Amino acid sequence: GTNVLSIVVEVPKTLLGGAAKINVWVETK
């Protein structure tokens, strides 16, 4: 029953480099 403000970004893997594994974290600045 609660809500959030969401940002959803879908990205082609080709734009992320060729790594088989990535680490991701998010920050607000």
mmCIF file of all heavy atoms, coordinates in Angstrom:
data_MODEL
# 
_entry.id   MODEL 
# 
loop_
_atom_site.group_PDB 
_atom_site.id 
_atom_site.type_symbol 
_atom_site.label_atom_id 
_atom_site.label_alt_id 
_atom_site.label_comp_id 
_atom_site.label_asym_id 
_atom_site.label_entity_id 
_atom_site.label_seq_id 
_atom_site.pdbx_PDB_ins_code 
_atom_site.Cartn_x 
_atom_site.Cartn_y 
_atom_site.Cartn_z 
_atom_site.occupancy 
_atom_site.B_iso_or_equiv 
_atom_site.pdbx_formal_charge 
_atom_site.auth_seq_id 
_atom_site.auth_comp_id 
_atom_site.auth_asym_id 
_atom_site.auth_atom_id 
_atom_site.pdbx_PDB_model_num 
ATOM 1   N N   . GLY A 1 1  ? 0.788  -1.227  0.000   1.00 0.00 ? 1  GLY A N   1 
ATOM 2   C CA  . GLY A 1 1  ? 0.000  0.000   0.000   1.00 0.00 ? 1  GLY A CA  1 
ATOM 3   C C   . GLY A 1 1  ? 0.820  1.277   0.000   1.00 0.00 ? 1  GLY A C   1 
ATOM 4   O O   . GLY A 1 1  ? 0.267  2.368   0.072   1.00 0.00 ? 1  GLY A O   1 
ATOM 5   N N   . THR A 1 2  ? 2.146  1.159   -0.074  1.00 0.00 ? 2  THR A N   1 
ATOM 6   C CA  . THR A 1 2  ? 2.979  2.364   -0.163  1.00 0.00 ? 2  THR A CA  1 
ATOM 7   C C   . THR A 1 2  ? 3.601  2.444   -1.552  1.00 0.00 ? 2  THR A C   1 
ATOM 8   O O   . THR A 1 2  ? 3.673  1.455   -2.276  1.00 0.00 ? 2  THR A O   1 
ATOM 9   C CB  . THR A 1 2  ? 4.084  2.386   0.911   1.00 0.00 ? 2  THR A CB  1 
ATOM 10  O OG1 . THR A 1 2  ? 4.981  1.299   0.678   1.00 0.00 ? 2  THR A OG1 1 
ATOM 11  C CG2 . THR A 1 2  ? 3.494  2.286   2.307   1.00 0.00 ? 2  THR A CG2 1 
ATOM 12  N N   . ASN A 1 3  ? 4.052  3.622   -1.901  1.00 0.00 ? 3  ASN A N   1 
ATOM 13  C CA  . ASN A 1 3  ? 4.592  3.858   -3.229  1.00 0.00 ? 3  ASN A CA  1 
ATOM 14  C C   . ASN A 1 3  ? 6.001  4.427   -3.161  1.00 0.00 ? 3  ASN A C   1 
ATOM 15  O O   . ASN A 1 3  ? 6.450  4.878   -2.102  1.00 0.00 ? 3  ASN A O   1 
ATOM 16  C CB  . ASN A 1 3  ? 3.680  4.822   -3.996  1.00 0.00 ? 3  ASN A CB  1 
ATOM 17  C CG  . ASN A 1 3  ? 2.295  4.259   -4.192  1.00 0.00 ? 3  ASN A CG  1 
ATOM 18  O OD1 . ASN A 1 3  ? 2.136  3.101   -4.550  1.00 0.00 ? 3  ASN A OD1 1 
ATOM 19  N ND2 . ASN A 1 3  ? 1.278  5.062   -3.941  1.00 0.00 ? 3  ASN A ND2 1 
ATOM 20  N N   . VAL A 1 4  ? 6.661  4.416   -4.299  1.00 0.00 ? 4  VAL A N   1 
ATOM 21  C CA  . VAL A 1 4  ? 7.994  4.994   -4.470  1.00 0.00 ? 4  VAL A CA  1 
ATOM 22  C C   . VAL A 1 4  ? 7.997  5.787   -5.768  1.00 0.00 ? 4  VAL A C   1 
ATOM 23  O O   . VAL A 1 4  ? 7.111  5.628   -6.606  1.00 0.00 ? 4  VAL A O   1 
ATOM 24  C CB  . VAL A 1 4  ? 9.083  3.890   -4.553  1.00 0.00 ? 4  VAL A CB  1 
ATOM 25  C CG1 . VAL A 1 4  ? 9.193  3.119   -3.259  1.00 0.00 ? 4  VAL A CG1 1 
ATOM 26  C CG2 . VAL A 1 4  ? 8.826  2.945   -5.715  1.00 0.00 ? 4  VAL A CG2 1 
ATOM 27  N N   . LEU A 1 5  ? 8.993  6.637   -5.940  1.00 0.00 ? 5  LEU A N   1 
ATOM 28  C CA  . LEU A 1 5  ? 9.268  7.224   -7.245  1.00 0.00 ? 5  LEU A CA  1 
ATOM 29  C C   . LEU A 1 5  ? 10.365 6.385   -7.875  1.00 0.00 ? 5  LEU A C   1 
ATOM 30  O O   . LEU A 1 5  ? 11.430 6.199   -7.282  1.00 0.00 ? 5  LEU A O   1 
ATOM 31  C CB  . LEU A 1 5  ? 9.701  8.683   -7.118  1.00 0.00 ? 5  LEU A CB  1 
ATOM 32  C CG  . LEU A 1 5  ? 8.610  9.670   -6.716  1.00 0.00 ? 5  LEU A CG  1 
ATOM 33  C CD1 . LEU A 1 5  ? 9.155  11.094  -6.714  1.00 0.00 ? 5  LEU A CD1 1 
ATOM 34  C CD2 . LEU A 1 5  ? 7.395  9.571   -7.621  1.00 0.00 ? 5  LEU A CD2 1 
ATOM 35  N N   . SER A 1 6  ? 10.101 5.845   -9.051  1.00 0.00 ? 6  SER A N   1 
ATOM 36  C CA  . SER A 1 6  ? 11.027 4.931   -9.721  1.00 0.00 ? 6  SER A CA  1 
ATOM 37  C C   . SER A 1 6  ? 11.652 5.569   -10.951 1.00 0.00 ? 6  SER A C   1 
ATOM 38  O O   . SER A 1 6  ? 10.993 6.322   -11.670 1.00 0.00 ? 6  SER A O   1 
ATOM 39  C CB  . SER A 1 6  ? 10.310 3.657   -10.170 1.00 0.00 ? 6  SER A CB  1 
ATOM 40  O OG  . SER A 1 6  ? 9.956  2.861   -9.095  1.00 0.00 ? 6  SER A OG  1 
ATOM 41  N N   . ILE A 1 7  ? 12.897 5.210   -11.158 1.00 0.00 ? 7  ILE A N   1 
ATOM 42  C CA  . ILE A 1 7  ? 13.581 5.505   -12.416 1.00 0.00 ? 7  ILE A CA  1 
ATOM 43  C C   . ILE A 1 7  ? 14.029 4.154   -12.961 1.00 0.00 ? 7  ILE A C   1 
ATOM 44  O O   . ILE A 1 7  ? 14.709 3.391   -12.267 1.00 0.00 ? 7  ILE A O   1 
ATOM 45  C CB  . ILE A 1 7  ? 14.810 6.405   -12.210 1.00 0.00 ? 7  ILE A CB  1 
ATOM 46  C CG1 . ILE A 1 7  ? 14.398 7.722   -11.556 1.00 0.00 ? 7  ILE A CG1 1 
ATOM 47  C CG2 . ILE A 1 7  ? 15.528 6.643   -13.534 1.00 0.00 ? 7  ILE A CG2 1 
ATOM 48  C CD1 . ILE A 1 7  ? 15.565 8.550   -11.076 1.00 0.00 ? 7  ILE A CD1 1 
ATOM 49  N N   . VAL A 1 8  ? 13.601 3.860   -14.182 1.00 0.00 ? 8  VAL A N   1 
ATOM 50  C CA  . VAL A 1 8  ? 13.928 2.590   -14.819 1.00 0.00 ? 8  VAL A CA  1 
ATOM 51  C C   . VAL A 1 8  ? 14.652 2.903   -16.120 1.00 0.00 ? 8  VAL A C   1 
ATOM 52  O O   . VAL A 1 8  ? 14.134 3.637   -16.957 1.00 0.00 ? 8  VAL A O   1 
ATOM 53  C CB  . VAL A 1 8  ? 12.662 1.757   -15.101 1.00 0.00 ? 8  VAL A CB  1 
ATOM 54  C CG1 . VAL A 1 8  ? 13.017 0.420   -15.738 1.00 0.00 ? 8  VAL A CG1 1 
ATOM 55  C CG2 . VAL A 1 8  ? 11.847 1.565   -13.826 1.00 0.00 ? 8  VAL A CG2 1 
ATOM 56  N N   . VAL A 1 9  ? 15.852 2.345   -16.269 1.00 0.00 ? 9  VAL A N   1 
ATOM 57  C CA  . VAL A 1 9  ? 16.647 2.568   -17.475 1.00 0.00 ? 9  VAL A CA  1 
ATOM 58  C C   . VAL A 1 9  ? 17.026 1.208   -18.039 1.00 0.00 ? 9  VAL A C   1 
ATOM 59  O O   . VAL A 1 9  ? 17.659 0.401   -17.362 1.00 0.00 ? 9  VAL A O   1 
ATOM 60  C CB  . VAL A 1 9  ? 17.921 3.392   -17.181 1.00 0.00 ? 9  VAL A CB  1 
ATOM 61  C CG1 . VAL A 1 9  ? 18.683 3.663   -18.470 1.00 0.00 ? 9  VAL A CG1 1 
ATOM 62  C CG2 . VAL A 1 9  ? 17.579 4.693   -16.469 1.00 0.00 ? 9  VAL A CG2 1 
ATOM 63  N N   . GLU A 1 10 ? 16.616 0.948   -19.273 1.00 0.00 ? 10 GLU A N   1 
ATOM 64  C CA  . GLU A 1 10 ? 16.979 -0.295  -19.961 1.00 0.00 ? 10 GLU A CA  1 
ATOM 65  C C   . GLU A 1 10 ? 18.081 0.034   -20.957 1.00 0.00 ? 10 GLU A C   1 
ATOM 66  O O   . GLU A 1 10 ? 17.945 0.949   -21.771 1.00 0.00 ? 10 GLU A O   1 
ATOM 67  C CB  . GLU A 1 10 ? 15.770 -0.884  -20.681 1.00 0.00 ? 10 GLU A CB  1 
ATOM 68  C CG  . GLU A 1 10 ? 16.064 -2.214  -21.343 1.00 0.00 ? 10 GLU A CG  1 
ATOM 69  C CD  . GLU A 1 10 ? 14.825 -2.878  -21.931 1.00 0.00 ? 10 GLU A CD  1 
ATOM 70  O OE1 . GLU A 1 10 ? 13.714 -2.695  -21.390 1.00 0.00 ? 10 GLU A OE1 1 
ATOM 71  O OE2 . GLU A 1 10 ? 14.985 -3.585  -22.945 1.00 0.00 ? 10 GLU A OE2 1 
ATOM 72  N N   . VAL A 1 11 ? 19.186 -0.720  -20.871 1.00 0.00 ? 11 VAL A N   1 
ATOM 73  C CA  . VAL A 1 11 ? 20.388 -0.398  -21.639 1.00 0.00 ? 11 VAL A CA  1 
ATOM 74  C C   . VAL A 1 11 ? 20.856 -1.631  -22.420 1.00 0.00 ? 11 VAL A C   1 
ATOM 75  O O   . VAL A 1 11 ? 20.973 -2.724  -21.853 1.00 0.00 ? 11 VAL A O   1 
ATOM 76  C CB  . VAL A 1 11 ? 21.531 0.047   -20.689 1.00 0.00 ? 11 VAL A CB  1 
ATOM 77  C CG1 . VAL A 1 11 ? 22.797 0.365   -21.461 1.00 0.00 ? 11 VAL A CG1 1 
ATOM 78  C CG2 . VAL A 1 11 ? 21.092 1.231   -19.850 1.00 0.00 ? 11 VAL A CG2 1 
ATOM 79  N N   . PRO A 1 12 ? 21.156 -1.471  -23.710 1.00 0.00 ? 12 PRO A N   1 
ATOM 80  C CA  . PRO A 1 12 ? 21.766 -2.577  -24.445 1.00 0.00 ? 12 PRO A CA  1 
ATOM 81  C C   . PRO A 1 12 ? 23.100 -2.972  -23.797 1.00 0.00 ? 12 PRO A C   1 
ATOM 82  O O   . PRO A 1 12 ? 23.907 -2.100  -23.453 1.00 0.00 ? 12 PRO A O   1 
ATOM 83  C CB  . PRO A 1 12 ? 21.986 -2.006  -25.852 1.00 0.00 ? 12 PRO A CB  1 
ATOM 84  C CG  . PRO A 1 12 ? 20.963 -0.907  -25.970 1.00 0.00 ? 12 PRO A CG  1 
ATOM 85  C CD  . PRO A 1 12 ? 20.872 -0.322  -24.586 1.00 0.00 ? 12 PRO A CD  1 
ATOM 86  N N   . LYS A 1 13 ? 23.320 -4.267  -23.632 1.00 0.00 ? 13 LYS A N   1 
ATOM 87  C CA  . LYS A 1 13 ? 24.550 -4.751  -23.003 1.00 0.00 ? 13 LYS A CA  1 
ATOM 88  C C   . LYS A 1 13 ? 25.788 -4.300  -23.768 1.00 0.00 ? 13 LYS A C   1 
ATOM 89  O O   . LYS A 1 13 ? 26.854 -4.114  -23.173 1.00 0.00 ? 13 LYS A O   1 
ATOM 90  C CB  . LYS A 1 13 ? 24.541 -6.276  -22.909 1.00 0.00 ? 13 LYS A CB  1 
ATOM 91  C CG  . LYS A 1 13 ? 23.553 -6.826  -21.919 1.00 0.00 ? 13 LYS A CG  1 
ATOM 92  C CD  . LYS A 1 13 ? 23.611 -8.355  -21.925 1.00 0.00 ? 13 LYS A CD  1 
ATOM 93  C CE  . LYS A 1 13 ? 22.552 -8.981  -21.080 1.00 0.00 ? 13 LYS A CE  1 
ATOM 94  N NZ  . LYS A 1 13 ? 22.579 -10.463 -21.167 1.00 0.00 ? 13 LYS A NZ  1 
ATOM 95  N N   . THR A 1 14 ? 25.664 -4.073  -25.061 1.00 0.00 ? 14 THR A N   1 
ATOM 96  C CA  . THR A 1 14 ? 26.814 -3.646  -25.860 1.00 0.00 ? 14 THR A CA  1 
ATOM 97  C C   . THR A 1 14 ? 27.358 -2.302  -25.406 1.00 0.00 ? 14 THR A C   1 
ATOM 98  O O   . THR A 1 14 ? 28.523 -1.982  -25.663 1.00 0.00 ? 14 THR A O   1 
ATOM 99  C CB  . THR A 1 14 ? 26.448 -3.559  -27.357 1.00 0.00 ? 14 THR A CB  1 
ATOM 100 O OG1 . THR A 1 14 ? 25.323 -2.676  -27.505 1.00 0.00 ? 14 THR A OG1 1 
ATOM 101 C CG2 . THR A 1 14 ? 26.103 -4.931  -27.919 1.00 0.00 ? 14 THR A CG2 1 
ATOM 102 N N   . LEU A 1 15 ? 26.542 -1.500  -24.711 1.00 0.00 ? 15 LEU A N   1 
ATOM 103 C CA  . LEU A 1 15 ? 26.986 -0.196  -24.227 1.00 0.00 ? 15 LEU A CA  1 
ATOM 104 C C   . LEU A 1 15 ? 27.676 -0.284  -22.869 1.00 0.00 ? 15 LEU A C   1 
ATOM 105 O O   . LEU A 1 15 ? 28.153 0.730   -22.352 1.00 0.00 ? 15 LEU A O   1 
ATOM 106 C CB  . LEU A 1 15 ? 25.798 0.767   -24.125 1.00 0.00 ? 15 LEU A CB  1 
ATOM 107 C CG  . LEU A 1 15 ? 25.048 1.054   -25.423 1.00 0.00 ? 15 LEU A CG  1 
ATOM 108 C CD1 . LEU A 1 15 ? 23.854 1.970   -25.158 1.00 0.00 ? 15 LEU A CD1 1 
ATOM 109 C CD2 . LEU A 1 15 ? 25.981 1.658   -26.462 1.00 0.00 ? 15 LEU A CD2 1 
ATOM 110 N N   . LEU A 1 16 ? 27.739 -1.489  -22.295 1.00 0.00 ? 16 LEU A N   1 
ATOM 111 C CA  . LEU A 1 16 ? 28.296 -1.663  -20.951 1.00 0.00 ? 16 LEU A CA  1 
ATOM 112 C C   . LEU A 1 16 ? 29.676 -2.310  -20.957 1.00 0.00 ? 16 LEU A C   1 
ATOM 113 O O   . LEU A 1 16 ? 30.217 -2.614  -19.899 1.00 0.00 ? 16 LEU A O   1 
ATOM 114 C CB  . LEU A 1 16 ? 27.334 -2.506  -20.101 1.00 0.00 ? 16 LEU A CB  1 
ATOM 115 C CG  . LEU A 1 16 ? 25.926 -1.920  -19.957 1.00 0.00 ? 16 LEU A CG  1 
ATOM 116 C CD1 . LEU A 1 16 ? 25.021 -2.898  -19.230 1.00 0.00 ? 16 LEU A CD1 1 
ATOM 117 C CD2 . LEU A 1 16 ? 25.978 -0.581  -19.240 1.00 0.00 ? 16 LEU A CD2 1 
ATOM 118 N N   . GLY A 1 17 ? 30.259 -2.520  -22.124 1.00 0.00 ? 17 GLY A N   1 
ATOM 119 C CA  . GLY A 1 17 ? 31.556 -3.182  -22.201 1.00 0.00 ? 17 GLY A CA  1 
ATOM 120 C C   . GLY A 1 17 ? 31.348 -4.680  -22.333 1.00 0.00 ? 17 GLY A C   1 
ATOM 121 O O   . GLY A 1 17 ? 30.227 -5.183  -22.284 1.00 0.00 ? 17 GLY A O   1 
ATOM 122 N N   . GLY A 1 18 ? 32.419 -5.406  -22.463 1.00 0.00 ? 18 GLY A N   1 
ATOM 123 C CA  . GLY A 1 18 ? 32.318 -6.838  -22.724 1.00 0.00 ? 18 GLY A CA  1 
ATOM 124 C C   . GLY A 1 18 ? 32.425 -7.732  -21.510 1.00 0.00 ? 18 GLY A C   1 
ATOM 125 O O   . GLY A 1 18 ? 32.565 -8.942  -21.654 1.00 0.00 ? 18 GLY A O   1 
ATOM 126 N N   . ALA A 1 19 ? 32.376 -7.173  -20.294 1.00 0.00 ? 19 ALA A N   1 
ATOM 127 C CA  . ALA A 1 19 ? 32.553 -7.988  -19.087 1.00 0.00 ? 19 ALA A CA  1 
ATOM 128 C C   . ALA A 1 19 ? 31.397 -8.973  -18.919 1.00 0.00 ? 19 ALA A C   1 
ATOM 129 O O   . ALA A 1 19 ? 30.241 -8.647  -19.163 1.00 0.00 ? 19 ALA A O   1 
ATOM 130 C CB  . ALA A 1 19 ? 32.648 -7.096  -17.856 1.00 0.00 ? 19 ALA A CB  1 
ATOM 131 N N   . ALA A 1 20 ? 31.735 -10.178 -18.480 1.00 0.00 ? 20 ALA A N   1 
ATOM 132 C CA  . ALA A 1 20 ? 30.715 -11.194 -18.207 1.00 0.00 ? 20 ALA A CA  1 
ATOM 133 C C   . ALA A 1 20 ? 29.988 -10.894 -16.905 1.00 0.00 ? 20 ALA A C   1 
ATOM 134 O O   . ALA A 1 20 ? 28.865 -11.341 -16.695 1.00 0.00 ? 20 ALA A O   1 
ATOM 135 C CB  . ALA A 1 20 ? 31.356 -12.576 -18.143 1.00 0.00 ? 20 ALA A CB  1 
ATOM 136 N N   . LYS A 1 21 ? 30.625 -10.141 -16.018 1.00 0.00 ? 21 LYS A N   1 
ATOM 137 C CA  . LYS A 1 21 ? 30.052 -9.816  -14.720 1.00 0.00 ? 21 LYS A CA  1 
ATOM 138 C C   . LYS A 1 21 ? 30.293 -8.333  -14.444 1.00 0.00 ? 21 LYS A C   1 
ATOM 139 O O   . LYS A 1 21 ? 31.383 -7.821  -14.713 1.00 0.00 ? 21 LYS A O   1 
ATOM 140 C CB  . LYS A 1 21 ? 30.726 -10.662 -13.635 1.00 0.00 ? 21 LYS A CB  1 
ATOM 141 C CG  . LYS A 1 21 ? 30.258 -10.372 -12.240 1.00 0.00 ? 21 LYS A CG  1 
ATOM 142 C CD  . LYS A 1 21 ? 31.022 -11.227 -11.234 1.00 0.00 ? 21 LYS A CD  1 
ATOM 143 C CE  . LYS A 1 21 ? 30.709 -10.793 -9.828  1.00 0.00 ? 21 LYS A CE  1 
ATOM 144 N NZ  . LYS A 1 21 ? 31.483 -11.521 -8.827  1.00 0.00 ? 21 LYS A NZ  1 
ATOM 145 N N   . ILE A 1 22 ? 29.285 -7.663  -13.908 1.00 0.00 ? 22 ILE A N   1 
ATOM 146 C CA  . ILE A 1 22 ? 29.449 -6.272  -13.514 1.00 0.00 ? 22 ILE A CA  1 
ATOM 147 C C   . ILE A 1 22 ? 28.990 -6.103  -12.070 1.00 0.00 ? 22 ILE A C   1 
ATOM 148 O O   . ILE A 1 22 ? 28.194 -6.885  -11.564 1.00 0.00 ? 22 ILE A O   1 
ATOM 149 C CB  . ILE A 1 22 ? 28.672 -5.295  -14.429 1.00 0.00 ? 22 ILE A CB  1 
ATOM 150 C CG1 . ILE A 1 22 ? 27.161 -5.557  -14.369 1.00 0.00 ? 22 ILE A CG1 1 
ATOM 151 C CG2 . ILE A 1 22 ? 29.190 -5.353  -15.852 1.00 0.00 ? 22 ILE A CG2 1 
ATOM 152 C CD1 . ILE A 1 22 ? 26.323 -4.516  -15.101 1.00 0.00 ? 22 ILE A CD1 1 
ATOM 153 N N   . ASN A 1 23 ? 29.523 -5.101  -11.425 1.00 0.00 ? 23 ASN A N   1 
ATOM 154 C CA  . ASN A 1 23 ? 29.067 -4.694  -10.098 1.00 0.00 ? 23 ASN A CA  1 
ATOM 155 C C   . ASN A 1 23 ? 28.376 -3.354  -10.276 1.00 0.00 ? 23 ASN A C   1 
ATOM 156 O O   . ASN A 1 23 ? 28.852 -2.497  -11.019 1.00 0.00 ? 23 ASN A O   1 
ATOM 157 C CB  . ASN A 1 23 ? 30.255 -4.544  -9.137  1.00 0.00 ? 23 ASN A CB  1 
ATOM 158 C CG  . ASN A 1 23 ? 30.991 -5.849  -8.959  1.00 0.00 ? 23 ASN A CG  1 
ATOM 159 O OD1 . ASN A 1 23 ? 30.400 -6.863  -8.625  1.00 0.00 ? 23 ASN A OD1 1 
ATOM 160 N ND2 . ASN A 1 23 ? 32.294 -5.834  -9.200  1.00 0.00 ? 23 ASN A ND2 1 
ATOM 161 N N   . VAL A 1 24 ? 27.254 -3.169  -9.586  1.00 0.00 ? 24 VAL A N   1 
ATOM 162 C CA  . VAL A 1 24 ? 26.471 -1.952  -9.741  1.00 0.00 ? 24 VAL A CA  1 
ATOM 163 C C   . VAL A 1 24 ? 26.069 -1.423  -8.375  1.00 0.00 ? 24 VAL A C   1 
ATOM 164 O O   . VAL A 1 24 ? 25.696 -2.198  -7.487  1.00 0.00 ? 24 VAL A O   1 
ATOM 165 C CB  . VAL A 1 24 ? 25.192 -2.219  -10.577 1.00 0.00 ? 24 VAL A CB  1 
ATOM 166 C CG1 . VAL A 1 24 ? 24.371 -0.945  -10.743 1.00 0.00 ? 24 VAL A CG1 1 
ATOM 167 C CG2 . VAL A 1 24 ? 25.540 -2.807  -11.937 1.00 0.00 ? 24 VAL A CG2 1 
ATOM 168 N N   . TRP A 1 25 ? 26.148 -0.112  -8.197  1.00 0.00 ? 25 TRP A N   1 
ATOM 169 C CA  . TRP A 1 25 ? 25.608 0.551   -7.023  1.00 0.00 ? 25 TRP A CA  1 
ATOM 170 C C   . TRP A 1 25 ? 25.007 1.871   -7.486  1.00 0.00 ? 25 TRP A C   1 
ATOM 171 O O   . TRP A 1 25 ? 25.330 2.374   -8.552  1.00 0.00 ? 25 TRP A O   1 
ATOM 172 C CB  . TRP A 1 25 ? 26.649 0.726   -5.912  1.00 0.00 ? 25 TRP A CB  1 
ATOM 173 C CG  . TRP A 1 25 ? 27.828 1.586   -6.242  1.00 0.00 ? 25 TRP A CG  1 
ATOM 174 C CD1 . TRP A 1 25 ? 28.033 2.890   -5.895  1.00 0.00 ? 25 TRP A CD1 1 
ATOM 175 C CD2 . TRP A 1 25 ? 29.009 1.201   -6.974  1.00 0.00 ? 25 TRP A CD2 1 
ATOM 176 N NE1 . TRP A 1 25 ? 29.238 3.344   -6.366  1.00 0.00 ? 25 TRP A NE1 1 
ATOM 177 C CE2 . TRP A 1 25 ? 29.867 2.326   -7.031  1.00 0.00 ? 25 TRP A CE2 1 
ATOM 178 C CE3 . TRP A 1 25 ? 29.427 0.030   -7.602  1.00 0.00 ? 25 TRP A CE3 1 
ATOM 179 C CZ2 . TRP A 1 25 ? 31.095 2.306   -7.678  1.00 0.00 ? 25 TRP A CZ2 1 
ATOM 180 C CZ3 . TRP A 1 25 ? 30.647 0.002   -8.247  1.00 0.00 ? 25 TRP A CZ3 1 
ATOM 181 C CH2 . TRP A 1 25 ? 31.468 1.138   -8.279  1.00 0.00 ? 25 TRP A CH2 1 
ATOM 182 N N   . VAL A 1 26 ? 24.097 2.387   -6.689  1.00 0.00 ? 26 VAL A N   1 
ATOM 183 C CA  . VAL A 1 26 ? 23.425 3.632   -7.058  1.00 0.00 ? 26 VAL A CA  1 
ATOM 184 C C   . VAL A 1 26 ? 23.700 4.669   -5.987  1.00 0.00 ? 26 VAL A C   1 
ATOM 185 O O   . VAL A 1 26 ? 23.836 4.340   -4.805  1.00 0.00 ? 26 VAL A O   1 
ATOM 186 C CB  . VAL A 1 26 ? 21.903 3.413   -7.258  1.00 0.00 ? 26 VAL A CB  1 
ATOM 187 C CG1 . VAL A 1 26 ? 21.195 3.113   -5.963  1.00 0.00 ? 26 VAL A CG1 1 
ATOM 188 C CG2 . VAL A 1 26 ? 21.264 4.586   -7.974  1.00 0.00 ? 26 VAL A CG2 1 
ATOM 189 N N   . GLU A 1 27 ? 23.824 5.915   -6.419  1.00 0.00 ? 27 GLU A N   1 
ATOM 190 C CA  . GLU A 1 27 ? 24.037 7.039   -5.510  1.00 0.00 ? 27 GLU A CA  1 
ATOM 191 C C   . GLU A 1 27 ? 23.107 8.174   -5.899  1.00 0.00 ? 27 GLU A C   1 
ATOM 192 O O   . GLU A 1 27 ? 22.770 8.336   -7.070  1.00 0.00 ? 27 GLU A O   1 
ATOM 193 C CB  . GLU A 1 27 ? 25.482 7.558   -5.606  1.00 0.00 ? 27 GLU A CB  1 
ATOM 194 C CG  . GLU A 1 27 ? 26.540 6.573   -5.175  1.00 0.00 ? 27 GLU A CG  1 
ATOM 195 C CD  . GLU A 1 27 ? 27.922 7.135   -5.375  1.00 0.00 ? 27 GLU A CD  1 
ATOM 196 O OE1 . GLU A 1 27 ? 28.363 7.256   -6.541  1.00 0.00 ? 27 GLU A OE1 1 
ATOM 197 O OE2 . GLU A 1 27 ? 28.553 7.498   -4.350  1.00 0.00 ? 27 GLU A OE2 1 
ATOM 198 N N   . THR A 1 28 ? 22.738 8.961   -4.911  1.00 0.00 ? 28 THR A N   1 
ATOM 199 C CA  . THR A 1 28 ? 22.069 10.227  -5.171  1.00 0.00 ? 28 THR A CA  1 
ATOM 200 C C   . THR A 1 28 ? 23.072 11.313  -4.848  1.00 0.00 ? 28 THR A C   1 
ATOM 201 O O   . THR A 1 28 ? 23.719 11.285  -3.805  1.00 0.00 ? 28 THR A O   1 
ATOM 202 C CB  . THR A 1 28 ? 20.801 10.401  -4.297  1.00 0.00 ? 28 THR A CB  1 
ATOM 203 O OG1 . THR A 1 28 ? 21.160 10.286  -2.929  1.00 0.00 ? 28 THR A OG1 1 
ATOM 204 C CG2 . THR A 1 28 ? 19.763 9.349   -4.643  1.00 0.00 ? 28 THR A CG2 1 
ATOM 205 N N   . LYS A 1 29 ? 23.209 12.252  -5.759  1.00 0.00 ? 29 LYS A N   1 
ATOM 206 C CA  . LYS A 1 29 ? 24.196 13.317  -5.590  1.00 0.00 ? 29 LYS A CA  1 
ATOM 207 C C   . LYS A 1 29 ? 23.507 14.658  -5.739  1.00 0.00 ? 29 LYS A C   1 
ATOM 208 O O   . LYS A 1 29 ? 22.909 14.954  -6.778  1.00 0.00 ? 29 LYS A O   1 
ATOM 209 C CB  . LYS A 1 29 ? 25.333 13.148  -6.579  1.00 0.00 ? 29 LYS A CB  1 
ATOM 210 C CG  . LYS A 1 29 ? 26.087 11.828  -6.315  1.00 0.00 ? 29 LYS A CG  1 
ATOM 211 C CD  . LYS A 1 29 ? 27.335 11.702  -7.078  1.00 0.00 ? 29 LYS A CD  1 
ATOM 212 C CE  . LYS A 1 29 ? 28.093 10.445  -6.637  1.00 0.00 ? 29 LYS A CE  1 
ATOM 213 N NZ  . LYS A 1 29 ? 29.303 10.251  -7.397  1.00 0.00 ? 29 LYS A NZ  1 
# 
